[in-house]
Amino acid sequence: MMSSRIKTLLRVAQASFFCALWSLAPDTHEARADAADLRHNIVVIVSAASNTQTLTFTDVRNIFMGLPTYAANGEPYVPLVQAAKTFVRVAFDAQFLGLDPEAAGRYWVDQRIRARRSLPRTIPSVELLRRVVAAMPGAVGYLRADELRPGIVPVRIDGVDFRSPEYRYRIARLQSSDSGQLAAR
């Protein structure tokens, strides 16, 4: 029969053991919050078969402003954009191009007339965008981090991965109930 002192020591040791285990376990609430925050990150994507792993901010800006930009293998990048006035498109244009929706429209009209640049191809759905980027060499697109799927990979921007706390390209406001479209202006 164990003495009460030994029982007490065993209980204290057991409690200490479980406290130590508890402190090592990840905070699931914090992990869920981190995952939810990642969905607001805008990721620039390429095909999983691409050798492109990182782009500079200037490269991304040039690609999506219609300026000739080439991969290391000499192939031109082909920009693919989401439909106008989606939350992701508006956030992307503002952060990478410095343009609001109206200014973006004016920019492209001006480019077609004066510089004779062709517009980036607009892809009407995220699913189609993923499929085209996965299948088309040189294609570059963007989407929310939670929309990543096999066949496409995110590129680092200036060497920073979208999961890093230093990553700064985000959708400022995203409601779970929205349809992805901004209200008509």
C-alpha atoms as a PDB file:
ATOM      1  CA  MET A   1       0.000   0.000   0.000  1.00  0.00           C
ATOM      2  CA  MET A   2       1.342   3.436  -0.990  1.00  0.00           C
ATOM      3  CA  SER A   3       1.745   6.131   1.535  1.00  0.00           C
ATOM      4  CA  SER A   4      -0.200   9.361   1.086  1.00  0.00           C
ATOM      5  CA  ARG A   5       3.075  11.227   0.632  1.00  0.00           C
ATOM      6  CA  ILE A   6       4.056   9.001  -2.340  1.00  0.00           C
ATOM      7  CA  LYS A   7       0.561   9.379  -3.848  1.00  0.00           C
ATOM      8  CA  THR A   8       0.837  13.162  -3.550  1.00  0.00           C
ATOM      9  CA  LEU A   9       4.286  13.150  -5.184  1.00  0.00           C
ATOM     10  CA  LEU A  10       2.956  10.974  -8.024  1.00  0.00           C
ATOM     11  CA  ARG A  11       0.015  13.333  -8.578  1.00  0.00           C
ATOM     12  CA  VAL A  12       2.336  16.360  -8.611  1.00  0.00           C
ATOM     13  CA  ALA A  13       4.679  14.614 -11.054  1.00  0.00           C
ATOM     14  CA  GLN A  14       1.739  13.593 -13.231  1.00  0.00           C
ATOM     15  CA  ALA A  15       0.321  17.123 -13.221  1.00  0.00           C
ATOM     16  CA  SER A  16       3.737  18.565 -14.074  1.00  0.00           C
ATOM     17  CA  PHE A  17       4.116  16.090 -16.911  1.00  0.00           C
ATOM     18  CA  PHE A  18       0.729  17.020 -18.429  1.00  0.00           C
ATOM     19  CA  CYS A  19       1.428  20.750 -18.008  1.00  0.00           C
ATOM     20  CA  ALA A  20       4.712  20.308 -19.846  1.00  0.00           C
ATOM     21  CA  LEU A  21       2.961  18.400 -22.632  1.00  0.00           C
ATOM     22  CA  TRP A  22       0.243  21.046 -22.846  1.00  0.00           C
ATOM     23  CA  SER A  23       2.815  23.815 -23.195  1.00  0.00           C
ATOM     24  CA  LEU A  24       4.447  21.970 -26.121  1.00  0.00           C
ATOM     25  CA  ALA A  25       1.178  21.446 -27.995  1.00  0.00           C
ATOM     26  CA  PRO A  26       0.389  24.061 -30.650  1.00  0.00           C
ATOM     27  CA  ASP A  27      -2.315  26.512 -29.767  1.00  0.00           C
ATOM     28  CA  THR A  28      -5.083  25.349 -32.110  1.00  0.00           C
ATOM     29  CA  HIS A  29      -6.924  28.644 -31.832  1.00  0.00           C
ATOM     30  CA  GLU A  30      -3.754  30.472 -32.857  1.00  0.00           C
ATOM     31  CA  ALA A  31      -3.138  27.983 -35.682  1.00  0.00           C
ATOM     32  CA  ARG A  32      -6.699  28.505 -36.953  1.00  0.00           C
ATOM     33  CA  ALA A  33      -6.239  32.282 -36.780  1.00  0.00           C
ATOM     34  CA  ASP A  34      -2.977  32.024 -38.752  1.00  0.00           C
ATOM     35  CA  ALA A  35      -4.657  29.876 -41.419  1.00  0.00           C
ATOM     36  CA  ALA A  36      -7.571  32.307 -41.637  1.00  0.00           C
ATOM     37  CA  ASP A  37      -5.164  35.226 -41.997  1.00  0.00           C
ATOM     38  CA  LEU A  38      -3.323  33.481 -44.840  1.00  0.00           C
ATOM     39  CA  ARG A  39      -6.480  33.391 -46.933  1.00  0.00           C
ATOM     40  CA  HIS A  40      -6.220  37.177 -47.197  1.00  0.00           C
ATOM     41  CA  ASN A  41      -2.759  36.953 -48.768  1.00  0.00           C
ATOM     42  CA  ILE A  42      -2.561  37.547 -52.506  1.00  0.00           C
ATOM     43  CA  VAL A  43      -0.199  35.051 -54.086  1.00  0.00           C
ATOM     44  CA  VAL A  44       1.377  35.333 -57.517  1.00  0.00           C
ATOM     45  CA  ILE A  45       1.283  31.912 -59.172  1.00  0.00           C
ATOM     46  CA  VAL A  46       3.035  30.002 -61.922  1.00  0.00           C
ATOM     47  CA  SER A  47       2.822  26.438 -63.193  1.00  0.00           C
ATOM     48  CA  ALA A  48       4.304  23.769 -60.927  1.00  0.00           C
ATOM     49  CA  ALA A  49       6.456  22.831 -63.941  1.00  0.00           C
ATOM     50  CA  SER A  50       7.958  26.334 -64.079  1.00  0.00           C
ATOM     51  CA  ASN A  51      11.484  27.057 -62.904  1.00  0.00           C
ATOM     52  CA  THR A  52      10.371  30.450 -61.586  1.00  0.00           C
ATOM     53  CA  GLN A  53      10.450  30.388 -57.796  1.00  0.00           C
ATOM     54  CA  THR A  54      10.784  34.068 -56.984  1.00  0.00           C
ATOM     55  CA  LEU A  55      10.051  37.372 -58.689  1.00  0.00           C
ATOM     56  CA  THR A  56      10.888  40.887 -57.638  1.00  0.00           C
ATOM     57  CA  PHE A  57       8.123  43.359 -56.957  1.00  0.00           C
ATOM     58  CA  THR A  58       9.308  45.223 -60.069  1.00  0.00           C
ATOM     59  CA  ASP A  59       9.067  42.039 -62.160  1.00  0.00           C
ATOM     60  CA  VAL A  60       5.476  41.489 -61.034  1.00  0.00           C
ATOM     61  CA  ARG A  61       4.608  45.112 -61.688  1.00  0.00           C
ATOM     62  CA  ASN A  62       6.186  45.021 -65.153  1.00  0.00           C
ATOM     63  CA  ILE A  63       4.523  41.720 -66.077  1.00  0.00           C
ATOM     64  CA  PHE A  64       1.070  43.000 -65.173  1.00  0.00           C
ATOM     65  CA  MET A  65       1.641  46.496 -66.637  1.00  0.00           C
ATOM     66  CA  GLY A  66       2.224  44.884 -70.019  1.00  0.00           C
ATOM     67  CA  LEU A  67       5.970  45.504 -70.176  1.00  0.00           C
ATOM     68  CA  PRO A  68       8.011  42.726 -71.780  1.00  0.00           C
ATOM     69  CA  THR A  69       9.407  40.574 -68.966  1.00  0.00           C
ATOM     70  CA  TYR A  70      11.170  37.253 -69.472  1.00  0.00           C
ATOM     71  CA  ALA A  71      11.846  34.121 -67.452  1.00  0.00           C
ATOM     72  CA  ALA A  72      15.399  32.837 -67.007  1.00  0.00           C
ATOM     73  CA  ASN A  73      14.873  30.495 -69.988  1.00  0.00           C
ATOM     74  CA  GLY A  74      14.073  33.478 -72.241  1.00  0.00           C
ATOM     75  CA  GLU A  75      10.337  32.783 -72.467  1.00  0.00           C
ATOM     76  CA  PRO A  76       8.095  35.818 -72.019  1.00  0.00           C
ATOM     77  CA  TYR A  77       5.788  35.881 -69.033  1.00  0.00           C
ATOM     78  CA  VAL A  78       2.097  35.948 -69.938  1.00  0.00           C
ATOM     79  CA  PRO A  79      -0.033  37.849 -67.410  1.00  0.00           C
ATOM     80  CA  LEU A  80      -3.476  36.497 -66.571  1.00  0.00           C
ATOM     81  CA  VAL A  81      -5.789  38.639 -64.462  1.00  0.00           C
ATOM     82  CA  GLN A  82      -9.012  38.024 -62.616  1.00  0.00           C
ATOM     83  CA  ALA A  83     -12.267  39.690 -63.595  1.00  0.00           C
ATOM     84  CA  ALA A  84     -12.536  43.430 -63.005  1.00  0.00           C
ATOM     85  CA  LYS A  85     -13.777  44.587 -59.609  1.00  0.00           C
ATOM     86  CA  THR A  86     -13.243  41.294 -57.782  1.00  0.00           C
ATOM     87  CA  PHE A  87     -11.737  41.850 -54.341  1.00  0.00           C
ATOM     88  CA  VAL A  88      -8.518  40.110 -55.373  1.00  0.00           C
ATOM     89  CA  ARG A  89      -8.163  42.110 -58.607  1.00  0.00           C
ATOM     90  CA  VAL A  90      -8.777  45.438 -56.896  1.00  0.00           C
ATOM     91  CA  ALA A  91      -6.310  44.620 -54.100  1.00  0.00           C
ATOM     92  CA  PHE A  92      -3.707  43.319 -56.574  1.00  0.00           C
ATOM     93  CA  ASP A  93      -3.996  46.365 -58.847  1.00  0.00           C
ATOM     94  CA  ALA A  94      -3.746  48.726 -55.872  1.00  0.00           C
ATOM     95  CA  GLN A  95      -0.758  47.042 -54.251  1.00  0.00           C
ATOM     96  CA  PHE A  96       1.301  45.958 -57.245  1.00  0.00           C
ATOM     97  CA  LEU A  97       0.284  48.503 -59.880  1.00  0.00           C
ATOM     98  CA  GLY A  98      -0.743  51.449 -57.718  1.00  0.00           C
ATOM     99  CA  LEU A  99      -4.055  51.732 -59.577  1.00  0.00           C
ATOM    100  CA  ASP A 100      -7.681  51.846 -58.432  1.00  0.00           C
ATOM    101  CA  PRO A 101     -10.266  50.193 -60.750  1.00  0.00           C
ATOM    102  CA  GLU A 102     -11.009  53.374 -62.710  1.00  0.00           C
ATOM    103  CA  ALA A 103      -7.334  54.285 -63.121  1.00  0.00           C
ATOM    104  CA  ALA A 104      -6.569  50.722 -64.253  1.00  0.00           C
ATOM    105  CA  GLY A 105      -9.262  50.991 -66.937  1.00  0.00           C
ATOM    106  CA  ARG A 106      -7.891  54.328 -68.150  1.00  0.00           C
ATOM    107  CA  TYR A 107      -4.321  52.975 -68.135  1.00  0.00           C
ATOM    108  CA  TRP A 108      -5.225  50.080 -70.418  1.00  0.00           C
ATOM    109  CA  VAL A 109      -7.203  52.226 -72.830  1.00  0.00           C
ATOM    110  CA  ASP A 110      -4.207  54.562 -73.052  1.00  0.00           C
ATOM    111  CA  GLN A 111      -1.765  51.665 -73.532  1.00  0.00           C
ATOM    112  CA  ARG A 112      -3.805  50.152 -76.348  1.00  0.00           C
ATOM    113  CA  ILE A 113      -4.031  53.470 -78.167  1.00  0.00           C
ATOM    114  CA  ARG A 114      -0.552  54.937 -77.605  1.00  0.00           C
ATOM    115  CA  ALA A 115       1.788  52.058 -76.862  1.00  0.00           C
ATOM    116  CA  ARG A 116      -0.161  49.386 -78.712  1.00  0.00           C
ATOM    117  CA  ARG A 117       0.311  46.999 -75.811  1.00  0.00           C
ATOM    118  CA  SER A 118      -2.062  44.126 -75.490  1.00  0.00           C
ATOM    119  CA  LEU A 119      -4.033  43.836 -72.297  1.00  0.00           C
ATOM    120  CA  PRO A 120      -3.385  40.978 -69.884  1.00  0.00           C
ATOM    121  CA  ARG A 121      -5.843  38.194 -70.533  1.00  0.00           C
ATOM    122  CA  THR A 122      -8.808  38.259 -68.171  1.00  0.00           C
ATOM    123  CA  ILE A 123      -9.787  34.830 -66.879  1.00  0.00           C
ATOM    124  CA  PRO A 124     -13.406  34.758 -65.651  1.00  0.00           C
ATOM    125  CA  SER A 125     -13.068  32.216 -62.820  1.00  0.00           C
ATOM    126  CA  VAL A 126     -10.464  31.124 -60.300  1.00  0.00           C
ATOM    127  CA  GLU A 127     -10.839  27.485 -61.367  1.00  0.00           C
ATOM    128  CA  LEU A 128     -10.121  28.344 -65.004  1.00  0.00           C
ATOM    129  CA  LEU A 129      -7.223  30.581 -63.953  1.00  0.00           C
ATOM    130  CA  ARG A 130      -5.650  27.678 -62.032  1.00  0.00           C
ATOM    131  CA  ARG A 131      -6.052  25.327 -64.999  1.00  0.00           C
ATOM    132  CA  VAL A 132      -4.627  27.798 -67.539  1.00  0.00           C
ATOM    133  CA  VAL A 133      -1.629  28.709 -65.367  1.00  0.00           C
ATOM    134  CA  ALA A 134      -0.929  25.027 -64.681  1.00  0.00           C
ATOM    135  CA  ALA A 135      -1.006  24.179 -68.408  1.00  0.00           C
ATOM    136  CA  MET A 136       0.528  27.275 -70.026  1.00  0.00           C
ATOM    137  CA  PRO A 137       4.294  27.810 -69.877  1.00  0.00           C
ATOM    138  CA  GLY A 138       5.132  31.355 -68.882  1.00  0.00           C
ATOM    139  CA  ALA A 139       1.661  32.121 -67.530  1.00  0.00           C
ATOM    140  CA  VAL A 140       1.586  34.195 -64.360  1.00  0.00           C
ATOM    141  CA  GLY A 141      -1.564  34.840 -62.368  1.00  0.00           C
ATOM    142  CA  TYR A 142      -2.642  35.663 -58.853  1.00  0.00           C
ATOM    143  CA  LEU A 143      -5.251  34.507 -56.379  1.00  0.00           C
ATOM    144  CA  ARG A 144      -5.933  34.237 -52.660  1.00  0.00           C
ATOM    145  CA  ALA A 145      -3.661  31.873 -50.750  1.00  0.00           C
ATOM    146  CA  ASP A 146      -6.575  29.610 -49.812  1.00  0.00           C
ATOM    147  CA  GLU A 147      -7.300  29.103 -53.526  1.00  0.00           C
ATOM    148  CA  LEU A 148      -3.988  27.317 -54.211  1.00  0.00           C
ATOM    149  CA  ARG A 149      -4.330  23.811 -55.668  1.00  0.00           C
ATOM    150  CA  PRO A 150      -1.975  21.185 -57.132  1.00  0.00           C
ATOM    151  CA  GLY A 151      -0.501  22.116 -60.500  1.00  0.00           C
ATOM    152  CA  ILE A 152       0.261  25.714 -59.551  1.00  0.00           C
ATOM    153  CA  VAL A 153       2.787  27.135 -57.121  1.00  0.00           C
ATOM    154  CA  PRO A 154       3.137  30.510 -55.455  1.00  0.00           C
ATOM    155  CA  VAL A 155       6.283  32.488 -56.153  1.00  0.00           C
ATOM    156  CA  ARG A 156       8.134  34.436 -53.508  1.00  0.00           C
ATOM    157  CA  ILE A 157       8.061  38.208 -53.962  1.00  0.00           C
ATOM    158  CA  ASP A 158      11.490  39.749 -53.348  1.00  0.00           C
ATOM    159  CA  GLY A 159      12.420  36.445 -51.708  1.00  0.00           C
ATOM    160  CA  VAL A 160       9.541  36.561 -49.196  1.00  0.00           C
ATOM    161  CA  ASP A 161       7.166  33.577 -49.017  1.00  0.00           C
ATOM    162  CA  PHE A 162       3.444  34.328 -48.655  1.00  0.00           C
ATOM    163  CA  ARG A 163       3.386  32.418 -45.332  1.00  0.00           C
ATOM    164  CA  SER A 164       6.015  34.714 -43.814  1.00  0.00           C
ATOM    165  CA  PRO A 165       4.962  37.409 -41.334  1.00  0.00           C
ATOM    166  CA  GLU A 166       6.921  39.867 -43.526  1.00  0.00           C
ATOM    167  CA  TYR A 167       4.682  39.191 -46.528  1.00  0.00           C
ATOM    168  CA  ARG A 168       2.632  42.315 -47.119  1.00  0.00           C
ATOM    169  CA  TYR A 169       0.372  41.738 -50.127  1.00  0.00           C
ATOM    170  CA  ARG A 170      -3.073  41.200 -48.686  1.00  0.00           C
ATOM    171  CA  ILE A 171      -6.710  41.837 -49.329  1.00  0.00           C
ATOM    172  CA  ALA A 172      -7.612  44.487 -46.794  1.00  0.00           C
ATOM    173  CA  ARG A 173     -11.177  43.353 -46.256  1.00  0.00           C
ATOM    174  CA  LEU A 174     -12.725  40.046 -47.176  1.00  0.00           C
ATOM    175  CA  GLN A 175     -16.143  38.970 -46.017  1.00  0.00           C
ATOM    176  CA  SER A 176     -16.994  35.290 -45.948  1.00  0.00           C
ATOM    177  CA  SER A 177     -20.445  36.105 -47.294  1.00  0.00           C
ATOM    178  CA  ASP A 178     -19.260  38.065 -50.318  1.00  0.00           C
ATOM    179  CA  SER A 179     -19.450  36.641 -53.796  1.00  0.00           C
ATOM    180  CA  GLY A 180     -16.020  37.960 -54.649  1.00  0.00           C
ATOM    181  CA  GLN A 181     -17.425  41.010 -56.422  1.00  0.00           C
ATOM    182  CA  LEU A 182     -17.318  44.606 -55.298  1.00  0.00           C
ATOM    183  CA  ALA A 183     -20.579  46.437 -55.207  1.00  0.00           C
ATOM    184  CA  ALA A 184     -21.389  48.165 -58.457  1.00  0.00           C
ATOM    185  CA  ARG A 185     -20.274  51.771 -58.380  1.00  0.00           C
END
